[in-house]
Amino acid sequence: MLKFWLALLLVLNAAVLAWQWDAFARWGHGPNAHREPERLQQQVRPEALKFEVMPPASATAPPPALPDANALPPAADASAPDAASPAAVLPAPASSAPQAAPR
């Protein structure tokens, strides 16, 4: 009995696929080609629409100036820690857990 239902399901799926591909259009049966023709008729001057392609932002703006790698920042002094150390580059992480009071 299950084979019968499976075969029927496959035949119905094939029929729906053929209908979608306009196999039955000769006899007046096929999918609706114009889904909403009333909307197309309600359009007001669709030819007046213009679409302009904007150039990418990188093409219009000049590239930003890169700082010299050997130059020191103006506020840097000799007592500052080495710039290559992670402590100077990264801020100290904030602890969200409450800390225990020392004994």
Protein backbone atom coordinates (compact mmCIF):
# COMPACT_ATOMS: atom_id res chain seq x y z
CA MET A 1 0.00 0.00 0.00
CA LEU A 2 2.90 2.33 0.79
CA LYS A 3 4.33 1.75 -2.70
CA PHE A 4 1.04 2.94 -4.20
CA TRP A 5 1.07 6.22 -2.23
CA LEU A 6 4.73 6.81 -3.04
CA ALA A 7 4.10 6.26 -6.76
CA LEU A 8 1.06 8.56 -6.67
CA LEU A 9 3.09 11.25 -4.91
CA LEU A 10 5.87 11.01 -7.50
CA VAL A 11 3.36 11.24 -10.38
CA LEU A 12 1.68 14.29 -8.82
CA ASN A 13 5.05 15.98 -8.25
CA ALA A 14 6.00 15.33 -11.88
CA ALA A 15 2.66 16.77 -13.02
CA VAL A 16 3.15 19.94 -10.95
CA LEU A 17 6.67 20.33 -12.31
CA ALA A 18 5.41 19.93 -15.88
CA TRP A 19 2.67 22.51 -15.17
CA GLN A 20 5.26 24.97 -13.84
CA TRP A 21 7.38 24.48 -16.97
CA ASP A 22 4.33 25.29 -19.18
CA ALA A 23 3.97 21.76 -20.54
CA PHE A 24 0.17 22.16 -20.48
CA ALA A 25 0.10 25.69 -21.95
CA ARG A 26 -1.12 24.36 -25.33
CA TRP A 27 -4.37 23.38 -23.70
CA GLY A 28 -4.75 26.58 -21.71
CA HIS A 29 -3.37 25.30 -18.43
CA GLY A 30 -0.23 26.85 -17.02
CA PRO A 31 1.10 29.05 -14.27
CA ASN A 32 -0.03 32.65 -14.13
CA ALA A 33 2.69 34.56 -16.00
CA HIS A 34 1.51 37.96 -14.78
CA ARG A 35 1.22 37.68 -11.06
CA GLU A 36 -0.17 41.18 -10.37
CA PRO A 37 -1.17 42.91 -13.61
CA GLU A 38 -3.24 45.50 -11.73
CA ARG A 39 -0.09 46.80 -10.01
CA LEU A 40 1.63 47.23 -13.36
CA GLN A 41 -1.32 49.25 -14.61
CA GLN A 42 -1.27 51.49 -11.52
CA GLN A 43 2.33 52.64 -12.02
CA VAL A 44 2.72 56.33 -12.69
CA ARG A 45 5.42 57.10 -15.28
CA PRO A 46 7.79 54.19 -14.61
CA GLU A 47 10.05 55.40 -17.44
CA ALA A 48 10.86 58.54 -15.41
CA LEU A 49 12.88 56.52 -12.89
CA LYS A 50 16.63 56.88 -13.23
CA PHE A 51 19.17 54.74 -11.47
CA GLU A 52 22.66 56.15 -11.06
CA VAL A 53 25.65 54.09 -10.08
CA MET A 54 27.65 55.81 -7.39
CA PRO A 55 31.44 55.47 -7.57
CA PRO A 56 33.00 53.62 -4.66
CA ALA A 57 34.07 55.81 -1.75
CA SER A 58 37.70 54.78 -2.09
CA ALA A 59 37.85 56.16 -5.65
CA THR A 60 36.68 59.66 -4.68
CA ALA A 61 38.52 60.20 -1.39
CA PRO A 62 42.30 60.53 -1.32
CA PRO A 63 44.04 57.80 0.66
CA PRO A 64 44.83 58.77 4.26
CA ALA A 65 48.41 59.74 4.98
CA LEU A 66 50.31 57.02 6.81
CA PRO A 67 52.45 58.18 9.76
CA ASP A 68 56.18 57.60 9.60
CA ALA A 69 57.08 54.41 11.46
CA ASN A 70 60.30 55.91 12.83
CA ALA A 71 58.74 59.14 14.11
CA LEU A 72 57.93 59.42 17.81
CA PRO A 73 54.68 60.97 18.96
CA PRO A 74 55.10 64.59 20.08
CA ALA A 75 54.32 63.89 23.77
CA ALA A 76 56.73 60.97 24.08
CA ASP A 77 59.67 61.39 26.42
CA ALA A 78 62.63 59.21 27.36
CA SER A 79 61.01 57.94 30.58
CA ALA A 80 58.10 56.37 28.68
CA PRO A 81 58.08 52.56 28.50
CA ASP A 82 59.11 50.82 25.32
CA ALA A 83 56.38 51.08 22.65
CA ALA A 84 56.82 47.42 21.75
CA SER A 85 55.77 46.22 25.20
CA PRO A 86 52.16 45.04 25.43
CA ALA A 87 51.56 47.08 28.59
CA ALA A 88 52.13 50.31 26.69
CA VAL A 89 49.89 49.30 23.79
CA LEU A 90 46.98 47.62 25.56
CA PRO A 91 45.05 49.11 28.47
CA ALA A 92 44.86 47.11 31.66
CA PRO A 93 41.83 44.79 31.67
CA ALA A 94 39.05 45.82 34.00
CA SER A 95 38.04 43.14 36.43
CA SER A 96 34.31 42.66 36.69
CA ALA A 97 34.48 40.26 39.65
CA PRO A 98 34.67 41.79 43.12
CA GLN A 99 38.08 41.41 44.69
CA ALA A 100 38.54 39.95 48.13
CA ALA A 101 39.84 42.28 50.81
CA PRO A 102 43.39 41.54 51.96
CA ARG A 103 43.77 40.02 55.46
